[in-house]
Amino acid sequence: MDDYVVIGLYRHGLTGANSKKQFCGWTDVEVTAEGITALKKMRVPSYEWIAASDLKRCIQTAFVFWRKKPEVIKELREFHFGEWEGKTHVELQHLHAYQNWLQDYSLQVPGGDSYASFAFRVESGFQSVLKNMEEQRIYRAAIVTHGGVVRHLLTKFAPEEKQFADWTSENGHGYELSGSLAAMRRGERCISLRAVPSMEKRNG
């Protein structure tokens, strides 16, 4: 199958940890009531198949958007912040390990990911999505995942080459990658990119 496909990459809805600016990678927090309300106001495109990180905030978001349970893919989890989970920048800024990491994101977080381990895992999860699309002849799929995952996949597959830090990923928002499935399976960039969703209210 060498067909033109569309893959939506969405960040989950707002969580309490997001509001408090806490590092929250593998901690299994839920979308807040405020976050759910915001998601319900968004008009998202339709897709044949939905995949998501196995964490509750992503599964919740997928259900609000499309009223269907997504296929969970653990590899699409956020960066694992290890000993820094639940902490804020203010709480960590005195630590030498944290200061070093801010200067060099390739360093491994104590008890958590390095950027290399994160990237390998995320790209493996994305390739499993592409493989399923090929086998099931799916032309439109969406992934509900995390901010870091969305930004990393954009650095690898967006038409325009930009650094991780130059991409943005807001709660409930995302991007659609469009292009050749076979090319993306080879690790090549997609043809076009657009931001989603619109902020119009559903049903008018």
C-alpha atoms as a PDB file:
ATOM      1  CA  MET A   1       0.000   0.000   0.000  1.00  0.00           C
ATOM      2  CA  ASP A   2       1.607   3.260  -1.161  1.00  0.00           C
ATOM      3  CA  ASP A   3      -1.315   5.596  -0.668  1.00  0.00           C
ATOM      4  CA  TYR A   4      -1.840   9.155   0.463  1.00  0.00           C
ATOM      5  CA  VAL A   5      -2.799   9.114   4.153  1.00  0.00           C
ATOM      6  CA  VAL A   6      -3.678  11.635   6.858  1.00  0.00           C
ATOM      7  CA  ILE A   7      -2.563  11.201  10.467  1.00  0.00           C
ATOM      8  CA  GLY A   8      -3.784  13.541  13.193  1.00  0.00           C
ATOM      9  CA  LEU A   9      -1.498  14.141  16.175  1.00  0.00           C
ATOM     10  CA  TYR A  10      -3.412  15.535  19.162  1.00  0.00           C
ATOM     11  CA  ARG A  11      -2.298  16.503  22.658  1.00  0.00           C
ATOM     12  CA  HIS A  12      -4.607  15.464  25.498  1.00  0.00           C
ATOM     13  CA  GLY A  13      -6.868  17.912  27.333  1.00  0.00           C
ATOM     14  CA  LEU A  14      -5.802  20.089  30.253  1.00  0.00           C
ATOM     15  CA  THR A  15      -4.794  18.330  33.490  1.00  0.00           C
ATOM     16  CA  GLY A  16      -4.229  19.638  36.982  1.00  0.00           C
ATOM     17  CA  ALA A  17      -0.511  19.008  36.527  1.00  0.00           C
ATOM     18  CA  ASN A  18      -0.539  21.170  33.392  1.00  0.00           C
ATOM     19  CA  SER A  19      -2.246  23.982  35.296  1.00  0.00           C
ATOM     20  CA  LYS A  20       0.361  23.767  38.073  1.00  0.00           C
ATOM     21  CA  LYS A  21       3.226  23.528  35.526  1.00  0.00           C
ATOM     22  CA  GLN A  22       4.391  20.230  37.000  1.00  0.00           C
ATOM     23  CA  PHE A  23       6.525  17.734  35.115  1.00  0.00           C
ATOM     24  CA  CYS A  24       4.045  14.983  34.355  1.00  0.00           C
ATOM     25  CA  GLY A  25       5.241  12.215  32.067  1.00  0.00           C
ATOM     26  CA  TRP A  26       4.172   8.756  33.190  1.00  0.00           C
ATOM     27  CA  THR A  27       2.042   9.897  36.144  1.00  0.00           C
ATOM     28  CA  ASP A  28      -1.496   8.797  35.266  1.00  0.00           C
ATOM     29  CA  VAL A  29      -3.482  11.981  35.868  1.00  0.00           C
ATOM     30  CA  GLU A  30      -6.920  12.792  34.431  1.00  0.00           C
ATOM     31  CA  VAL A  31      -8.232  15.680  32.351  1.00  0.00           C
ATOM     32  CA  THR A  32      -9.847  18.328  34.571  1.00  0.00           C
ATOM     33  CA  ALA A  33     -13.516  19.354  34.337  1.00  0.00           C
ATOM     34  CA  GLU A  34     -12.300  22.593  32.781  1.00  0.00           C
ATOM     35  CA  GLY A  35     -10.290  20.585  30.283  1.00  0.00           C
ATOM     36  CA  ILE A  36     -13.258  18.399  29.332  1.00  0.00           C
ATOM     37  CA  THR A  37     -15.403  21.496  28.774  1.00  0.00           C
ATOM     38  CA  ALA A  38     -12.764  22.967  26.477  1.00  0.00           C
ATOM     39  CA  LEU A  39     -12.494  19.730  24.478  1.00  0.00           C
ATOM     40  CA  LYS A  40     -16.253  19.616  23.943  1.00  0.00           C
ATOM     41  CA  LYS A  41     -16.132  23.051  22.297  1.00  0.00           C
ATOM     42  CA  MET A  42     -13.681  21.898  19.644  1.00  0.00           C
ATOM     43  CA  ARG A  43     -14.744  20.583  16.255  1.00  0.00           C
ATOM     44  CA  VAL A  44     -12.338  17.843  15.238  1.00  0.00           C
ATOM     45  CA  PRO A  45     -12.188  16.021  11.898  1.00  0.00           C
ATOM     46  CA  SER A  46     -13.406  12.430  11.636  1.00  0.00           C
ATOM     47  CA  TYR A  47     -11.054   9.458  11.342  1.00  0.00           C
ATOM     48  CA  GLU A  48     -11.402   5.773  10.530  1.00  0.00           C
ATOM     49  CA  TRP A  49      -9.204   4.646  13.404  1.00  0.00           C
ATOM     50  CA  ILE A  50      -8.035   6.200  16.687  1.00  0.00           C
ATOM     51  CA  ALA A  51      -4.911   5.313  18.666  1.00  0.00           C
ATOM     52  CA  ALA A  52      -3.768   6.773  21.984  1.00  0.00           C
ATOM     53  CA  SER A  53      -1.180   6.613  24.716  1.00  0.00           C
ATOM     54  CA  ASP A  54      -2.315   4.207  27.424  1.00  0.00           C
ATOM     55  CA  LEU A  55      -2.536   6.987  30.031  1.00  0.00           C
ATOM     56  CA  LYS A  56      -6.006   8.107  31.162  1.00  0.00           C
ATOM     57  CA  ARG A  57      -5.723  11.705  29.982  1.00  0.00           C
ATOM     58  CA  CYS A  58      -5.262  10.564  26.383  1.00  0.00           C
ATOM     59  CA  ILE A  59      -7.982   7.907  26.459  1.00  0.00           C
ATOM     60  CA  GLN A  60     -10.393  10.457  27.987  1.00  0.00           C
ATOM     61  CA  THR A  61      -9.596  13.003  25.296  1.00  0.00           C
ATOM     62  CA  ALA A  62     -10.119  10.494  22.492  1.00  0.00           C
ATOM     63  CA  PHE A  63     -13.519   9.534  23.889  1.00  0.00           C
ATOM     64  CA  VAL A  64     -14.656  13.155  24.217  1.00  0.00           C
ATOM     65  CA  PHE A  65     -13.580  13.906  20.650  1.00  0.00           C
ATOM     66  CA  TRP A  66     -14.888  10.809  18.853  1.00  0.00           C
ATOM     67  CA  ARG A  67     -17.053   8.852  21.297  1.00  0.00           C
ATOM     68  CA  LYS A  68     -15.035   5.719  20.751  1.00  0.00           C
ATOM     69  CA  LYS A  69     -12.449   3.823  22.748  1.00  0.00           C
ATOM     70  CA  PRO A  70      -9.027   4.153  21.116  1.00  0.00           C
ATOM     71  CA  GLU A  71      -6.483   1.409  20.578  1.00  0.00           C
ATOM     72  CA  VAL A  72      -3.878   2.015  23.283  1.00  0.00           C
ATOM     73  CA  ILE A  73      -0.185   2.031  22.420  1.00  0.00           C
ATOM     74  CA  LYS A  74       2.089   2.322  25.453  1.00  0.00           C
ATOM     75  CA  GLU A  75       5.061   3.448  23.355  1.00  0.00           C
ATOM     76  CA  LEU A  76       3.233   6.733  22.720  1.00  0.00           C
ATOM     77  CA  ARG A  77       3.617   7.812  26.354  1.00  0.00           C
ATOM     78  CA  GLU A  78       5.198  11.133  27.267  1.00  0.00           C
ATOM     79  CA  PHE A  79       8.851  11.570  28.261  1.00  0.00           C
ATOM     80  CA  HIS A  80       9.420   9.799  31.607  1.00  0.00           C
ATOM     81  CA  PHE A  81      10.614  12.413  34.111  1.00  0.00           C
ATOM     82  CA  GLY A  82      11.656   9.849  36.724  1.00  0.00           C
ATOM     83  CA  GLU A  83      12.496  11.451  40.069  1.00  0.00           C
ATOM     84  CA  TRP A  84      11.220  14.802  38.791  1.00  0.00           C
ATOM     85  CA  GLU A  85       7.644  13.639  38.192  1.00  0.00           C
ATOM     86  CA  GLY A  86       5.155  15.972  39.869  1.00  0.00           C
ATOM     87  CA  LYS A  87       7.780  18.632  40.533  1.00  0.00           C
ATOM     88  CA  THR A  88       7.932  22.157  39.101  1.00  0.00           C
ATOM     89  CA  HIS A  89      10.864  24.109  37.717  1.00  0.00           C
ATOM     90  CA  VAL A  90      10.976  26.169  40.927  1.00  0.00           C
ATOM     91  CA  GLU A  91      11.244  23.010  43.028  1.00  0.00           C
ATOM     92  CA  LEU A  92      14.028  21.558  40.883  1.00  0.00           C
ATOM     93  CA  GLN A  93      16.104  24.565  39.883  1.00  0.00           C
ATOM     94  CA  HIS A  94      18.604  24.129  42.758  1.00  0.00           C
ATOM     95  CA  LEU A  95      19.560  20.588  41.641  1.00  0.00           C
ATOM     96  CA  HIS A  96      22.800  20.250  39.644  1.00  0.00           C
ATOM     97  CA  ALA A  97      21.382  17.332  37.631  1.00  0.00           C
ATOM     98  CA  TYR A  98      18.410  19.460  36.621  1.00  0.00           C
ATOM     99  CA  GLN A  99      20.591  22.458  35.746  1.00  0.00           C
ATOM    100  CA  ASN A 100      22.783  20.205  33.574  1.00  0.00           C
ATOM    101  CA  TRP A 101      19.726  18.713  31.864  1.00  0.00           C
ATOM    102  CA  LEU A 102      18.403  22.180  30.988  1.00  0.00           C
ATOM    103  CA  GLN A 103      21.690  22.786  29.186  1.00  0.00           C
ATOM    104  CA  ASP A 104      21.739  19.388  27.478  1.00  0.00           C
ATOM    105  CA  TYR A 105      18.442  17.500  26.973  1.00  0.00           C
ATOM    106  CA  SER A 106      20.322  14.415  25.766  1.00  0.00           C
ATOM    107  CA  LEU A 107      21.242  13.656  29.394  1.00  0.00           C
ATOM    108  CA  GLN A 108      19.192  10.998  31.159  1.00  0.00           C
ATOM    109  CA  VAL A 109      16.769  12.226  33.796  1.00  0.00           C
ATOM    110  CA  PRO A 110      17.415  10.430  37.137  1.00  0.00           C
ATOM    111  CA  GLY A 111      15.163   7.377  37.108  1.00  0.00           C
ATOM    112  CA  GLY A 112      13.621   8.388  33.777  1.00  0.00           C
ATOM    113  CA  ASP A 113      14.251   8.825  30.065  1.00  0.00           C
ATOM    114  CA  SER A 114      17.095  10.219  28.053  1.00  0.00           C
ATOM    115  CA  TYR A 115      16.035  11.989  24.880  1.00  0.00           C
ATOM    116  CA  ALA A 116      17.415   9.054  22.859  1.00  0.00           C
ATOM    117  CA  SER A 117      15.361   6.470  24.756  1.00  0.00           C
ATOM    118  CA  PHE A 118      12.256   8.647  24.485  1.00  0.00           C
ATOM    119  CA  ALA A 119      12.743   9.181  20.745  1.00  0.00           C
ATOM    120  CA  PHE A 120      13.322   5.479  20.052  1.00  0.00           C
ATOM    121  CA  ARG A 121      10.179   4.486  21.944  1.00  0.00           C
ATOM    122  CA  VAL A 122       7.968   7.132  20.346  1.00  0.00           C
ATOM    123  CA  GLU A 123       9.162   6.376  16.818  1.00  0.00           C
ATOM    124  CA  SER A 124       8.562   2.673  17.445  1.00  0.00           C
ATOM    125  CA  GLY A 125       4.995   3.439  18.534  1.00  0.00           C
ATOM    126  CA  PHE A 126       4.421   5.637  15.492  1.00  0.00           C
ATOM    127  CA  GLN A 127       5.702   2.928  13.178  1.00  0.00           C
ATOM    128  CA  SER A 128       3.238   0.471  14.742  1.00  0.00           C
ATOM    129  CA  VAL A 129       0.443   2.925  13.855  1.00  0.00           C
ATOM    130  CA  LEU A 130       1.687   3.129  10.263  1.00  0.00           C
ATOM    131  CA  LYS A 131       1.965  -0.661  10.046  1.00  0.00           C
ATOM    132  CA  ASN A 132      -1.618  -1.068  11.242  1.00  0.00           C
ATOM    133  CA  MET A 133      -2.798   1.517   8.702  1.00  0.00           C
ATOM    134  CA  GLU A 134      -1.079  -0.396   5.943  1.00  0.00           C
ATOM    135  CA  GLU A 135      -2.440  -3.787   7.002  1.00  0.00           C
ATOM    136  CA  GLN A 136      -6.003  -2.535   7.595  1.00  0.00           C
ATOM    137  CA  ARG A 137      -6.000  -0.140   4.587  1.00  0.00           C
ATOM    138  CA  ILE A 138      -6.750   2.861   6.790  1.00  0.00           C
ATOM    139  CA  TYR A 139      -6.402   6.253   5.126  1.00  0.00           C
ATOM    140  CA  ARG A 140      -7.295   8.558   8.007  1.00  0.00           C
ATOM    141  CA  ALA A 141      -6.087   7.901  11.565  1.00  0.00           C
ATOM    142  CA  ALA A 142      -5.627   9.993  14.700  1.00  0.00           C
ATOM    143  CA  ILE A 143      -3.224   9.641  17.619  1.00  0.00           C
ATOM    144  CA  VAL A 144      -4.040  11.205  20.991  1.00  0.00           C
ATOM    145  CA  THR A 145      -0.820  11.554  22.899  1.00  0.00           C
ATOM    146  CA  HIS A 146       1.332  14.052  24.806  1.00  0.00           C
ATOM    147  CA  GLY A 147       2.983  17.382  24.079  1.00  0.00           C
ATOM    148  CA  GLY A 148       6.505  15.993  23.939  1.00  0.00           C
ATOM    149  CA  VAL A 149       5.440  13.146  21.669  1.00  0.00           C
ATOM    150  CA  VAL A 150       3.667  15.479  19.246  1.00  0.00           C
ATOM    151  CA  ARG A 151       6.660  17.804  19.099  1.00  0.00           C
ATOM    152  CA  HIS A 152       9.135  14.970  18.547  1.00  0.00           C
ATOM    153  CA  LEU A 153       7.079  13.457  15.732  1.00  0.00           C
ATOM    154  CA  LEU A 154       6.895  16.888  14.095  1.00  0.00           C
ATOM    155  CA  THR A 155      10.684  17.217  14.224  1.00  0.00           C
ATOM    156  CA  LYS A 156      10.915  13.878  12.378  1.00  0.00           C
ATOM    157  CA  PHE A 157       8.000  14.003   9.934  1.00  0.00           C
ATOM    158  CA  ALA A 158       6.837  17.587   9.331  1.00  0.00           C
ATOM    159  CA  PRO A 159       7.628  19.003   5.873  1.00  0.00           C
ATOM    160  CA  GLU A 160       9.538  21.897   7.425  1.00  0.00           C
ATOM    161  CA  GLU A 161      12.603  21.041   9.497  1.00  0.00           C
ATOM    162  CA  LYS A 162      12.423  22.690  12.922  1.00  0.00           C
ATOM    163  CA  GLN A 163      13.946  21.913  16.303  1.00  0.00           C
ATOM    164  CA  PHE A 164      11.918  20.272  19.096  1.00  0.00           C
ATOM    165  CA  ALA A 165      11.803  23.524  21.076  1.00  0.00           C
ATOM    166  CA  ASP A 166      10.465  25.456  18.069  1.00  0.00           C
ATOM    167  CA  TRP A 167       7.234  23.447  17.863  1.00  0.00           C
ATOM    168  CA  THR A 168       4.255  24.172  20.094  1.00  0.00           C
ATOM    169  CA  SER A 169       1.657  21.717  21.358  1.00  0.00           C
ATOM    170  CA  GLU A 170      -1.361  23.027  23.247  1.00  0.00           C
ATOM    171  CA  ASN A 171      -3.877  20.942  25.203  1.00  0.00           C
ATOM    172  CA  GLY A 172      -6.573  19.535  22.931  1.00  0.00           C
ATOM    173  CA  HIS A 173      -4.885  20.809  19.782  1.00  0.00           C
ATOM    174  CA  GLY A 174      -2.658  19.199  17.234  1.00  0.00           C
ATOM    175  CA  TYR A 175      -1.609  18.791  13.629  1.00  0.00           C
ATOM    176  CA  GLU A 176      -2.466  16.637  10.641  1.00  0.00           C
ATOM    177  CA  LEU A 177       0.415  15.052   8.738  1.00  0.00           C
ATOM    178  CA  SER A 178      -0.448  14.186   5.126  1.00  0.00           C
ATOM    179  CA  GLY A 179       1.639  12.222   2.666  1.00  0.00           C
ATOM    180  CA  SER A 180       2.792   8.861   1.415  1.00  0.00           C
ATOM    181  CA  LEU A 181       2.404   6.044   3.921  1.00  0.00           C
ATOM    182  CA  ALA A 182       5.308   4.132   2.401  1.00  0.00           C
ATOM    183  CA  ALA A 183       7.560   7.192   2.614  1.00  0.00           C
ATOM    184  CA  MET A 184       6.713   7.759   6.283  1.00  0.00           C
ATOM    185  CA  ARG A 185       7.373   4.095   7.010  1.00  0.00           C
ATOM    186  CA  ARG A 186      10.854   4.693   5.583  1.00  0.00           C
ATOM    187  CA  GLY A 187      11.251   7.625   7.977  1.00  0.00           C
ATOM    188  CA  GLU A 188      10.773  10.299   5.320  1.00  0.00           C
ATOM    189  CA  ARG A 189       8.914  13.548   5.887  1.00  0.00           C
ATOM    190  CA  CYS A 190       5.270  14.073   5.010  1.00  0.00           C
ATOM    191  CA  ILE A 191       4.078  16.335   2.191  1.00  0.00           C
ATOM    192  CA  SER A 192       1.846  18.769   4.086  1.00  0.00           C
ATOM    193  CA  LEU A 193       0.944  19.836   7.601  1.00  0.00           C
ATOM    194  CA  ARG A 194      -2.023  21.712   9.049  1.00  0.00           C
ATOM    195  CA  ALA A 195      -3.095  22.695  12.537  1.00  0.00           C
ATOM    196  CA  VAL A 196      -6.275  21.123  14.002  1.00  0.00           C
ATOM    197  CA  PRO A 197      -8.960  21.497  15.277  1.00  0.00           C
ATOM    198  CA  SER A 198     -11.044  24.605  14.694  1.00  0.00           C
ATOM    199  CA  MET A 199     -12.529  26.344  17.732  1.00  0.00           C
ATOM    200  CA  GLU A 200     -16.103  26.445  16.416  1.00  0.00           C
ATOM    201  CA  LYS A 201     -18.812  24.964  18.603  1.00  0.00           C
ATOM    202  CA  ARG A 202     -20.121  21.572  17.605  1.00  0.00           C
ATOM    203  CA  ASN A 203     -23.461  21.427  15.796  1.00  0.00           C
ATOM    204  CA  GLY A 204     -23.224  25.032  14.719  1.00  0.00           C
END
